[in-house]
Amino acid sequence: MSGGFDWAAFGTGALASAGASYAAMLATFAVGVARGRHRYVDITWGLAFTAVAWTSYGLSASHGDDGRRLLAAALTTVWGVRLAAHIARRGRGHDEDPRYERMLSRAPGSRALYALRKVYLLQGALAWVISLPVQAACYLDVPLGPLAYAGAVLWAAGTACEAVGDHQLARFKADPANKGKIMDRGLWSWTRHPNYFGEFLLWWGLFLLACARWETALLTVVSPLLVSFLVTRGSGKRLLEAHMADRPGFAEYQRRTSGFVPWPPRARATRGG
């Protein structure tokens, strides 16, 4: 052990955490194959982080600061369980997710093995990498300080933004009168992606829990950088907007609404001169 961080224990714990992430994904894969749909993996996404967090918490019992360990595990759990519950409610009664149906229709062989490689194993690896700040925070034997508290505030702001955005969108879609319309109310009038912006904020917040030492900060900064890329340039904002591009009214919504960071909406375009 050196300077408040046990690298050997962290390495062992990281391997166990990878096992926890893949165990959650493989269990979901078995359910998906049995039921003939793979949309359940979206529910498991948040739960895989929760499994990693509590694996790290348990194995770091004699290595890390108790307050930091508990805070890291608790914040991750609140986010992961809320997200899983939201996705489960949203998908109740639906068939396969169109994204996975399109992907699996291109499978060169077994659809199940293709899904295992392209969805479950990939998401298991991503969950492990993204959760590195949570894992490292559990092994930091440093009392909570200003950076950790600032991280908790960022996490709270991000989680609130994500939860409120999800709730507003769910209520909007539940009204039959809104079918085919663009959601441009509440938080969605300030940013086209309150859920993605919330995820961006909360992972930078969780990263700050691992910043009590420069070495752990350097090791784990890949997490918020990867999340930032995914929600803005990868599978998040970019793909969703490409899918929405042909919707009536979406171009006008894009014109007046911030693409990511919440900002007061611009005035609607007027017709005529």
C-alpha atoms as a PDB file:
ATOM      1  CA  MET A   1       0.000   0.000   0.000  1.00  0.00           C
ATOM      2  CA  SER A   2       1.284   3.500  -0.855  1.00  0.00           C
ATOM      3  CA  GLY A   3      -0.106   6.863   0.222  1.00  0.00           C
ATOM      4  CA  GLY A   4      -3.732   5.886   0.920  1.00  0.00           C
ATOM      5  CA  PHE A   5      -4.370   3.612  -2.044  1.00  0.00           C
ATOM      6  CA  ASP A   6      -3.758  -0.125  -2.133  1.00  0.00           C
ATOM      7  CA  TRP A   7      -2.988  -0.849  -5.769  1.00  0.00           C
ATOM      8  CA  ALA A   8      -2.758  -4.614  -5.306  1.00  0.00           C
ATOM      9  CA  ALA A   9      -6.146  -4.803  -3.600  1.00  0.00           C
ATOM     10  CA  PHE A  10      -7.629  -2.506  -6.242  1.00  0.00           C
ATOM     11  CA  GLY A  11      -6.307  -4.775  -9.010  1.00  0.00           C
ATOM     12  CA  THR A  12      -7.876  -7.845  -7.426  1.00  0.00           C
ATOM     13  CA  GLY A  13     -11.113  -5.954  -6.857  1.00  0.00           C
ATOM     14  CA  ALA A  14     -11.166  -4.712 -10.454  1.00  0.00           C
ATOM     15  CA  LEU A  15     -11.036  -8.305 -11.706  1.00  0.00           C
ATOM     16  CA  ALA A  16     -13.890  -9.256  -9.374  1.00  0.00           C
ATOM     17  CA  SER A  17     -15.859  -6.220 -10.543  1.00  0.00           C
ATOM     18  CA  ALA A  18     -15.404  -7.263 -14.165  1.00  0.00           C
ATOM     19  CA  GLY A  19     -16.787 -10.650 -13.162  1.00  0.00           C
ATOM     20  CA  ALA A  20     -19.800  -8.995 -11.531  1.00  0.00           C
ATOM     21  CA  SER A  21     -20.507  -6.908 -14.631  1.00  0.00           C
ATOM     22  CA  TYR A  22     -20.280  -9.902 -16.950  1.00  0.00           C
ATOM     23  CA  ALA A  23     -22.321 -12.089 -14.591  1.00  0.00           C
ATOM     24  CA  ALA A  24     -25.188  -9.577 -14.798  1.00  0.00           C
ATOM     25  CA  MET A  25     -24.931  -9.435 -18.584  1.00  0.00           C
ATOM     26  CA  LEU A  26     -24.690 -13.197 -19.084  1.00  0.00           C
ATOM     27  CA  ALA A  27     -27.683 -13.819 -16.837  1.00  0.00           C
ATOM     28  CA  THR A  28     -29.643 -11.319 -18.924  1.00  0.00           C
ATOM     29  CA  PHE A  29     -28.415 -12.994 -22.112  1.00  0.00           C
ATOM     30  CA  ALA A  30     -29.891 -16.285 -20.903  1.00  0.00           C
ATOM     31  CA  VAL A  31     -33.224 -14.559 -20.242  1.00  0.00           C
ATOM     32  CA  GLY A  32     -33.110 -12.847 -23.624  1.00  0.00           C
ATOM     33  CA  VAL A  33     -32.493 -16.094 -25.485  1.00  0.00           C
ATOM     34  CA  ALA A  34     -35.231 -17.881 -23.542  1.00  0.00           C
ATOM     35  CA  ARG A  35     -37.798 -15.140 -24.254  1.00  0.00           C
ATOM     36  CA  GLY A  36     -36.677 -14.346 -27.782  1.00  0.00           C
ATOM     37  CA  ARG A  37     -35.903 -10.657 -27.201  1.00  0.00           C
ATOM     38  CA  HIS A  38     -32.799  -8.803 -26.082  1.00  0.00           C
ATOM     39  CA  ARG A  39     -34.269  -5.486 -24.943  1.00  0.00           C
ATOM     40  CA  TYR A  40     -33.841  -6.647 -21.332  1.00  0.00           C
ATOM     41  CA  VAL A  41     -30.154  -5.757 -21.578  1.00  0.00           C
ATOM     42  CA  ASP A  42     -31.120  -2.075 -21.338  1.00  0.00           C
ATOM     43  CA  ILE A  43     -32.599  -2.760 -17.896  1.00  0.00           C
ATOM     44  CA  THR A  44     -29.449  -4.574 -16.830  1.00  0.00           C
ATOM     45  CA  TRP A  45     -27.210  -1.658 -17.868  1.00  0.00           C
ATOM     46  CA  GLY A  46     -27.858   0.272 -14.637  1.00  0.00           C
ATOM     47  CA  LEU A  47     -27.944  -2.892 -12.541  1.00  0.00           C
ATOM     48  CA  ALA A  48     -24.499  -3.957 -13.803  1.00  0.00           C
ATOM     49  CA  PHE A  49     -23.046  -0.740 -12.363  1.00  0.00           C
ATOM     50  CA  THR A  50     -24.814  -1.442  -9.090  1.00  0.00           C
ATOM     51  CA  ALA A  51     -23.298  -4.941  -8.991  1.00  0.00           C
ATOM     52  CA  VAL A  52     -19.835  -3.502  -9.646  1.00  0.00           C
ATOM     53  CA  ALA A  53     -20.294  -0.836  -6.963  1.00  0.00           C
ATOM     54  CA  TRP A  54     -21.246  -3.281  -4.223  1.00  0.00           C
ATOM     55  CA  THR A  55     -18.582  -5.775  -5.250  1.00  0.00           C
ATOM     56  CA  SER A  56     -16.027  -2.982  -4.880  1.00  0.00           C
ATOM     57  CA  TYR A  57     -17.586  -1.856  -1.604  1.00  0.00           C
ATOM     58  CA  GLY A  58     -17.441  -5.348  -0.108  1.00  0.00           C
ATOM     59  CA  LEU A  59     -13.896  -6.166  -1.184  1.00  0.00           C
ATOM     60  CA  SER A  60     -12.487  -2.793  -0.109  1.00  0.00           C
ATOM     61  CA  ALA A  61     -13.702  -3.086   3.499  1.00  0.00           C
ATOM     62  CA  SER A  62     -10.220  -3.024   5.036  1.00  0.00           C
ATOM     63  CA  HIS A  63      -8.610  -0.787   2.424  1.00  0.00           C
ATOM     64  CA  GLY A  64     -10.668   2.344   1.761  1.00  0.00           C
ATOM     65  CA  ASP A  65     -12.250   5.147   3.772  1.00  0.00           C
ATOM     66  CA  ASP A  66     -15.678   3.990   4.955  1.00  0.00           C
ATOM     67  CA  GLY A  67     -17.429   7.256   4.133  1.00  0.00           C
ATOM     68  CA  ARG A  68     -16.028   7.404   0.597  1.00  0.00           C
ATOM     69  CA  ARG A  69     -16.795   3.726  -0.016  1.00  0.00           C
ATOM     70  CA  LEU A  70     -20.391   4.080   1.111  1.00  0.00           C
ATOM     71  CA  LEU A  71     -20.956   7.310  -0.825  1.00  0.00           C
ATOM     72  CA  ALA A  72     -19.602   5.823  -4.062  1.00  0.00           C
ATOM     73  CA  ALA A  73     -21.721   2.667  -3.753  1.00  0.00           C
ATOM     74  CA  ALA A  74     -24.867   4.515  -2.679  1.00  0.00           C
ATOM     75  CA  LEU A  75     -24.761   7.133  -5.432  1.00  0.00           C
ATOM     76  CA  THR A  76     -24.141   4.493  -8.080  1.00  0.00           C
ATOM     77  CA  THR A  77     -27.001   2.372  -6.747  1.00  0.00           C
ATOM     78  CA  VAL A  78     -29.531   5.213  -6.712  1.00  0.00           C
ATOM     79  CA  TRP A  79     -28.680   6.085 -10.311  1.00  0.00           C
ATOM     80  CA  GLY A  80     -28.518   2.486 -11.555  1.00  0.00           C
ATOM     81  CA  VAL A  81     -31.723   1.254  -9.907  1.00  0.00           C
ATOM     82  CA  ARG A  82     -33.709   4.333 -10.952  1.00  0.00           C
ATOM     83  CA  LEU A  83     -32.573   3.959 -14.548  1.00  0.00           C
ATOM     84  CA  ALA A  84     -33.341   0.232 -14.584  1.00  0.00           C
ATOM     85  CA  ALA A  85     -36.823   0.806 -13.148  1.00  0.00           C
ATOM     86  CA  HIS A  86     -37.533   3.550 -15.672  1.00  0.00           C
ATOM     87  CA  ILE A  87     -36.472   1.424 -18.638  1.00  0.00           C
ATOM     88  CA  ALA A  88     -38.434  -1.576 -17.322  1.00  0.00           C
ATOM     89  CA  ARG A  89     -41.622   0.520 -17.056  1.00  0.00           C
ATOM     90  CA  ARG A  90     -41.060   2.068 -20.479  1.00  0.00           C
ATOM     91  CA  GLY A  91     -40.600  -1.299 -22.181  1.00  0.00           C
ATOM     92  CA  ARG A  92     -43.394  -3.213 -20.418  1.00  0.00           C
ATOM     93  CA  GLY A  93     -45.577  -5.049 -22.940  1.00  0.00           C
ATOM     94  CA  HIS A  94     -43.377  -4.202 -25.938  1.00  0.00           C
ATOM     95  CA  ASP A  95     -41.747  -6.600 -28.367  1.00  0.00           C
ATOM     96  CA  GLU A  96     -38.084  -6.494 -29.348  1.00  0.00           C
ATOM     97  CA  ASP A  97     -36.434  -3.072 -29.450  1.00  0.00           C
ATOM     98  CA  PRO A  98     -36.210  -1.948 -33.118  1.00  0.00           C
ATOM     99  CA  ARG A  99     -32.509  -1.136 -32.647  1.00  0.00           C
ATOM    100  CA  TYR A 100     -31.689  -4.706 -31.711  1.00  0.00           C
ATOM    101  CA  GLU A 101     -34.015  -6.103 -34.351  1.00  0.00           C
ATOM    102  CA  ARG A 102     -32.180  -4.158 -37.068  1.00  0.00           C
ATOM    103  CA  MET A 103     -28.805  -5.206 -35.693  1.00  0.00           C
ATOM    104  CA  LEU A 104     -29.694  -8.878 -35.408  1.00  0.00           C
ATOM    105  CA  SER A 105     -31.246  -8.962 -38.871  1.00  0.00           C
ATOM    106  CA  ARG A 106     -27.698  -8.511 -40.187  1.00  0.00           C
ATOM    107  CA  ALA A 107     -26.263 -11.374 -38.133  1.00  0.00           C
ATOM    108  CA  PRO A 108     -24.019 -13.531 -40.369  1.00  0.00           C
ATOM    109  CA  GLY A 109     -24.860 -16.670 -38.378  1.00  0.00           C
ATOM    110  CA  SER A 110     -26.503 -17.369 -35.052  1.00  0.00           C
ATOM    111  CA  ARG A 111     -28.522 -14.362 -33.869  1.00  0.00           C
ATOM    112  CA  ALA A 112     -27.940 -15.351 -30.247  1.00  0.00           C
ATOM    113  CA  LEU A 113     -24.147 -15.505 -30.563  1.00  0.00           C
ATOM    114  CA  TYR A 114     -24.139 -12.270 -32.552  1.00  0.00           C
ATOM    115  CA  ALA A 115     -26.146 -10.584 -29.785  1.00  0.00           C
ATOM    116  CA  LEU A 116     -23.765 -12.010 -27.184  1.00  0.00           C
ATOM    117  CA  ARG A 117     -20.737 -10.486 -28.932  1.00  0.00           C
ATOM    118  CA  LYS A 118     -22.183  -7.205 -30.131  1.00  0.00           C
ATOM    119  CA  VAL A 119     -24.474  -6.345 -27.216  1.00  0.00           C
ATOM    120  CA  TYR A 120     -23.877  -8.215 -23.961  1.00  0.00           C
ATOM    121  CA  LEU A 121     -20.098  -8.614 -23.895  1.00  0.00           C
ATOM    122  CA  LEU A 122     -19.586  -5.090 -25.211  1.00  0.00           C
ATOM    123  CA  GLN A 123     -21.927  -3.545 -22.633  1.00  0.00           C
ATOM    124  CA  GLY A 124     -20.339  -5.595 -19.856  1.00  0.00           C
ATOM    125  CA  ALA A 125     -16.923  -4.195 -20.788  1.00  0.00           C
ATOM    126  CA  LEU A 126     -18.252  -0.634 -21.087  1.00  0.00           C
ATOM    127  CA  ALA A 127     -19.942  -0.838 -17.673  1.00  0.00           C
ATOM    128  CA  TRP A 128     -16.662  -1.990 -16.123  1.00  0.00           C
ATOM    129  CA  VAL A 129     -14.584   0.776 -17.735  1.00  0.00           C
ATOM    130  CA  ILE A 130     -17.100   3.532 -17.012  1.00  0.00           C
ATOM    131  CA  SER A 131     -17.381   2.432 -13.377  1.00  0.00           C
ATOM    132  CA  LEU A 132     -13.617   2.759 -12.753  1.00  0.00           C
ATOM    133  CA  PRO A 133     -14.022   5.925 -10.629  1.00  0.00           C
ATOM    134  CA  VAL A 134     -16.486   4.106  -8.370  1.00  0.00           C
ATOM    135  CA  GLN A 135     -14.129   1.151  -8.041  1.00  0.00           C
ATOM    136  CA  ALA A 136     -11.109   3.352  -7.315  1.00  0.00           C
ATOM    137  CA  ALA A 137     -13.013   5.533  -4.832  1.00  0.00           C
ATOM    138  CA  CYS A 138     -13.750   2.445  -2.739  1.00  0.00           C
ATOM    139  CA  TYR A 139     -10.018   1.757  -2.295  1.00  0.00           C
ATOM    140  CA  LEU A 140      -8.996   5.334  -1.472  1.00  0.00           C
ATOM    141  CA  ASP A 141      -8.131   5.548   2.214  1.00  0.00           C
ATOM    142  CA  VAL A 142      -8.653   9.312   2.227  1.00  0.00           C
ATOM    143  CA  PRO A 143     -11.483  11.038   4.167  1.00  0.00           C
ATOM    144  CA  LEU A 144     -14.153  12.834   2.180  1.00  0.00           C
ATOM    145  CA  GLY A 145     -13.157  16.369   1.243  1.00  0.00           C
ATOM    146  CA  PRO A 146     -14.231  19.316  -0.934  1.00  0.00           C
ATOM    147  CA  LEU A 147     -13.709  17.486  -4.242  1.00  0.00           C
ATOM    148  CA  ALA A 148     -15.844  14.549  -3.131  1.00  0.00           C
ATOM    149  CA  TYR A 149     -18.611  16.860  -1.915  1.00  0.00           C
ATOM    150  CA  ALA A 150     -18.477  18.785  -5.197  1.00  0.00           C
ATOM    151  CA  GLY A 151     -18.758  15.448  -6.979  1.00  0.00           C
ATOM    152  CA  ALA A 152     -21.858  14.563  -4.972  1.00  0.00           C
ATOM    153  CA  VAL A 153     -23.433  17.906  -5.931  1.00  0.00           C
ATOM    154  CA  LEU A 154     -22.668  17.311  -9.627  1.00  0.00           C
ATOM    155  CA  TRP A 155     -24.068  13.786  -9.332  1.00  0.00           C
ATOM    156  CA  ALA A 156     -27.266  15.122  -7.728  1.00  0.00           C
ATOM    157  CA  ALA A 157     -27.714  17.747 -10.449  1.00  0.00           C
ATOM    158  CA  GLY A 158     -27.127  15.191 -13.198  1.00  0.00           C
ATOM    159  CA  THR A 159     -29.385  12.561 -11.667  1.00  0.00           C
ATOM    160  CA  ALA A 160     -32.165  15.111 -11.172  1.00  0.00           C
ATOM    161  CA  CYS A 161     -31.845  16.322 -14.771  1.00  0.00           C
ATOM    162  CA  GLU A 162     -31.969  12.762 -16.088  1.00  0.00           C
ATOM    163  CA  ALA A 163     -34.884  11.713 -13.866  1.00  0.00           C
ATOM    164  CA  VAL A 164     -36.982  14.823 -14.530  1.00  0.00           C
ATOM    165  CA  GLY A 165     -36.358  14.567 -18.267  1.00  0.00           C
ATOM    166  CA  ASP A 166     -37.352  10.896 -18.318  1.00  0.00           C
ATOM    167  CA  HIS A 167     -40.493  11.598 -16.270  1.00  0.00           C
ATOM    168  CA  GLN A 168     -41.576  14.495 -18.476  1.00  0.00           C
ATOM    169  CA  LEU A 169     -41.054  12.486 -21.652  1.00  0.00           C
ATOM    170  CA  ALA A 170     -42.954   9.497 -20.261  1.00  0.00           C
ATOM    171  CA  ARG A 171     -45.942  11.689 -19.358  1.00  0.00           C
ATOM    172  CA  PHE A 172     -45.850  13.333 -22.793  1.00  0.00           C
ATOM    173  CA  LYS A 173     -45.853   9.985 -24.602  1.00  0.00           C
ATOM    174  CA  ALA A 174     -48.630   8.624 -22.389  1.00  0.00           C
ATOM    175  CA  ASP A 175     -51.057  11.230 -23.785  1.00  0.00           C
ATOM    176  CA  PRO A 176     -52.555   9.938 -27.082  1.00  0.00           C
ATOM    177  CA  ALA A 177     -53.022  13.547 -28.232  1.00  0.00           C
ATOM    178  CA  ASN A 178     -49.211  13.873 -28.472  1.00  0.00           C
ATOM    179  CA  LYS A 179     -48.714  10.957 -30.867  1.00  0.00           C
ATOM    180  CA  GLY A 180     -46.331  11.990 -33.643  1.00  0.00           C
ATOM    181  CA  LYS A 181     -45.482  15.292 -31.951  1.00  0.00           C
ATOM    182  CA  ILE A 182     -42.063  16.505 -30.813  1.00  0.00           C
ATOM    183  CA  MET A 183     -41.550  16.784 -27.061  1.00  0.00           C
ATOM    184  CA  ASP A 184     -40.568  20.427 -26.522  1.00  0.00           C
ATOM    185  CA  ARG A 185     -41.836  21.146 -23.025  1.00  0.00           C
ATOM    186  CA  GLY A 186     -40.244  21.436 -19.589  1.00  0.00           C
ATOM    187  CA  LEU A 187     -36.551  20.566 -19.609  1.00  0.00           C
ATOM    188  CA  TRP A 188     -36.941  19.500 -23.241  1.00  0.00           C
ATOM    189  CA  SER A 189     -37.478  23.152 -24.201  1.00  0.00           C
ATOM    190  CA  TRP A 190     -34.034  24.009 -22.778  1.00  0.00           C
ATOM    191  CA  THR A 191     -32.081  21.048 -24.166  1.00  0.00           C
ATOM    192  CA  ARG A 192     -32.912  18.385 -26.720  1.00  0.00           C
ATOM    193  CA  HIS A 193     -31.250  15.781 -24.492  1.00  0.00           C
ATOM    194  CA  PRO A 194     -31.785  16.357 -20.747  1.00  0.00           C
ATOM    195  CA  ASN A 195     -31.224  12.655 -20.033  1.00  0.00           C
ATOM    196  CA  TYR A 196     -27.875  12.575 -21.847  1.00  0.00           C
ATOM    197  CA  PHE A 197     -26.764  15.858 -20.284  1.00  0.00           C
ATOM    198  CA  GLY A 198     -27.717  14.457 -16.870  1.00  0.00           C
ATOM    199  CA  GLU A 199     -25.636  11.343 -17.481  1.00  0.00           C
ATOM    200  CA  PHE A 200     -22.706  13.520 -18.551  1.00  0.00           C
ATOM    201  CA  LEU A 201     -22.918  15.530 -15.311  1.00  0.00           C
ATOM    202  CA  LEU A 202     -23.341  12.615 -12.926  1.00  0.00           C
ATOM    203  CA  TRP A 203     -20.355  10.683 -14.261  1.00  0.00           C
ATOM    204  CA  TRP A 204     -18.104  13.719 -13.975  1.00  0.00           C
ATOM    205  CA  GLY A 205     -19.422  13.944 -10.430  1.00  0.00           C
ATOM    206  CA  LEU A 206     -18.606  10.318  -9.634  1.00  0.00           C
ATOM    207  CA  PHE A 207     -15.172  10.840 -11.183  1.00  0.00           C
ATOM    208  CA  LEU A 208     -14.440  13.526  -8.568  1.00  0.00           C
ATOM    209  CA  LEU A 209     -14.836  10.860  -5.855  1.00  0.00           C
ATOM    210  CA  ALA A 210     -11.701   9.213  -7.257  1.00  0.00           C
ATOM    211  CA  CYS A 211      -9.675  12.435  -7.426  1.00  0.00           C
ATOM    212  CA  ALA A 212      -8.252  12.448  -3.897  1.00  0.00           C
ATOM    213  CA  ARG A 213      -4.947  11.340  -5.469  1.00  0.00           C
ATOM    214  CA  TRP A 214      -3.592  12.387  -8.849  1.00  0.00           C
ATOM    215  CA  GLU A 215      -2.753   8.777  -9.757  1.00  0.00           C
ATOM    216  CA  THR A 216      -6.340   7.584  -9.326  1.00  0.00           C
ATOM    217  CA  ALA A 217      -7.630  10.674 -11.129  1.00  0.00           C
ATOM    218  CA  LEU A 218      -5.343   9.919 -14.076  1.00  0.00           C
ATOM    219  CA  LEU A 219      -6.374   6.245 -14.060  1.00  0.00           C
ATOM    220  CA  THR A 220     -10.112   6.887 -13.997  1.00  0.00           C
ATOM    221  CA  VAL A 221     -10.582  10.007 -16.158  1.00  0.00           C
ATOM    222  CA  VAL A 222     -11.226   7.637 -19.063  1.00  0.00           C
ATOM    223  CA  SER A 223     -14.686   7.082 -17.552  1.00  0.00           C
ATOM    224  CA  PRO A 224     -16.220  10.579 -17.860  1.00  0.00           C
ATOM    225  CA  LEU A 225     -14.373  11.152 -21.138  1.00  0.00           C
ATOM    226  CA  LEU A 226     -15.882   7.964 -22.573  1.00  0.00           C
ATOM    227  CA  VAL A 227     -19.364   8.874 -21.302  1.00  0.00           C
ATOM    228  CA  SER A 228     -18.995  12.357 -22.802  1.00  0.00           C
ATOM    229  CA  PHE A 229     -18.075  10.846 -26.168  1.00  0.00           C
ATOM    230  CA  LEU A 230     -20.862   8.260 -26.109  1.00  0.00           C
ATOM    231  CA  VAL A 231     -23.658  10.691 -25.258  1.00  0.00           C
ATOM    232  CA  THR A 232     -22.569  13.406 -27.701  1.00  0.00           C
ATOM    233  CA  ARG A 233     -20.787  11.653 -30.574  1.00  0.00           C
ATOM    234  CA  GLY A 234     -21.365   7.922 -30.151  1.00  0.00           C
ATOM    235  CA  SER A 235     -24.569   5.983 -29.581  1.00  0.00           C
ATOM    236  CA  GLY A 236     -26.472   8.789 -27.855  1.00  0.00           C
ATOM    237  CA  LYS A 237     -27.331  12.219 -29.218  1.00  0.00           C
ATOM    238  CA  ARG A 238     -25.952  11.714 -32.739  1.00  0.00           C
ATOM    239  CA  LEU A 239     -27.837   8.495 -33.515  1.00  0.00           C
ATOM    240  CA  LEU A 240     -31.071   9.647 -31.899  1.00  0.00           C
ATOM    241  CA  GLU A 241     -31.103  12.878 -33.875  1.00  0.00           C
ATOM    242  CA  ALA A 242     -30.392  11.018 -37.115  1.00  0.00           C
ATOM    243  CA  HIS A 243     -33.414   8.824 -36.332  1.00  0.00           C
ATOM    244  CA  MET A 244     -35.579  11.887 -35.581  1.00  0.00           C
ATOM    245  CA  ALA A 245     -34.437  13.988 -38.550  1.00  0.00           C
ATOM    246  CA  ASP A 246     -37.480  13.285 -40.743  1.00  0.00           C
ATOM    247  CA  ARG A 247     -40.070  13.917 -38.004  1.00  0.00           C
ATOM    248  CA  PRO A 248     -42.363  16.871 -38.770  1.00  0.00           C
ATOM    249  CA  GLY A 249     -41.302  19.838 -36.662  1.00  0.00           C
ATOM    250  CA  PHE A 250     -37.939  18.431 -35.623  1.00  0.00           C
ATOM    251  CA  ALA A 251     -35.868  20.850 -37.730  1.00  0.00           C
ATOM    252  CA  GLU A 252     -37.615  23.804 -36.081  1.00  0.00           C
ATOM    253  CA  TYR A 253     -37.129  22.214 -32.665  1.00  0.00           C
ATOM    254  CA  GLN A 254     -33.413  21.853 -33.427  1.00  0.00           C
ATOM    255  CA  ARG A 255     -33.209  25.493 -34.456  1.00  0.00           C
ATOM    256  CA  ARG A 256     -34.624  26.909 -31.247  1.00  0.00           C
ATOM    257  CA  THR A 257     -33.392  24.385 -28.656  1.00  0.00           C
ATOM    258  CA  SER A 258     -29.878  23.823 -27.311  1.00  0.00           C
ATOM    259  CA  GLY A 259     -28.378  20.575 -28.512  1.00  0.00           C
ATOM    260  CA  PHE A 260     -26.898  19.558 -25.169  1.00  0.00           C
ATOM    261  CA  VAL A 261     -26.212  22.088 -22.390  1.00  0.00           C
ATOM    262  CA  PRO A 262     -29.526  23.501 -21.067  1.00  0.00           C
ATOM    263  CA  TRP A 263     -30.121  27.038 -22.314  1.00  0.00           C
ATOM    264  CA  PRO A 264     -33.196  29.267 -22.703  1.00  0.00           C
ATOM    265  CA  PRO A 265     -34.915  28.454 -26.014  1.00  0.00           C
ATOM    266  CA  ARG A 266     -34.671  30.816 -28.963  1.00  0.00           C
ATOM    267  CA  ALA A 267     -37.825  32.422 -30.295  1.00  0.00           C
ATOM    268  CA  ARG A 268     -39.924  30.405 -32.723  1.00  0.00           C
ATOM    269  CA  ALA A 269     -39.574  31.276 -36.384  1.00  0.00           C
ATOM    270  CA  THR A 270     -42.397  33.443 -37.732  1.00  0.00           C
ATOM    271  CA  ARG A 271     -44.076  32.943 -41.078  1.00  0.00           C
ATOM    272  CA  GLY A 272     -44.366  35.693 -43.619  1.00  0.00           C
ATOM    273  CA  GLY A 273     -42.583  39.038 -43.692  1.00  0.00           C
END
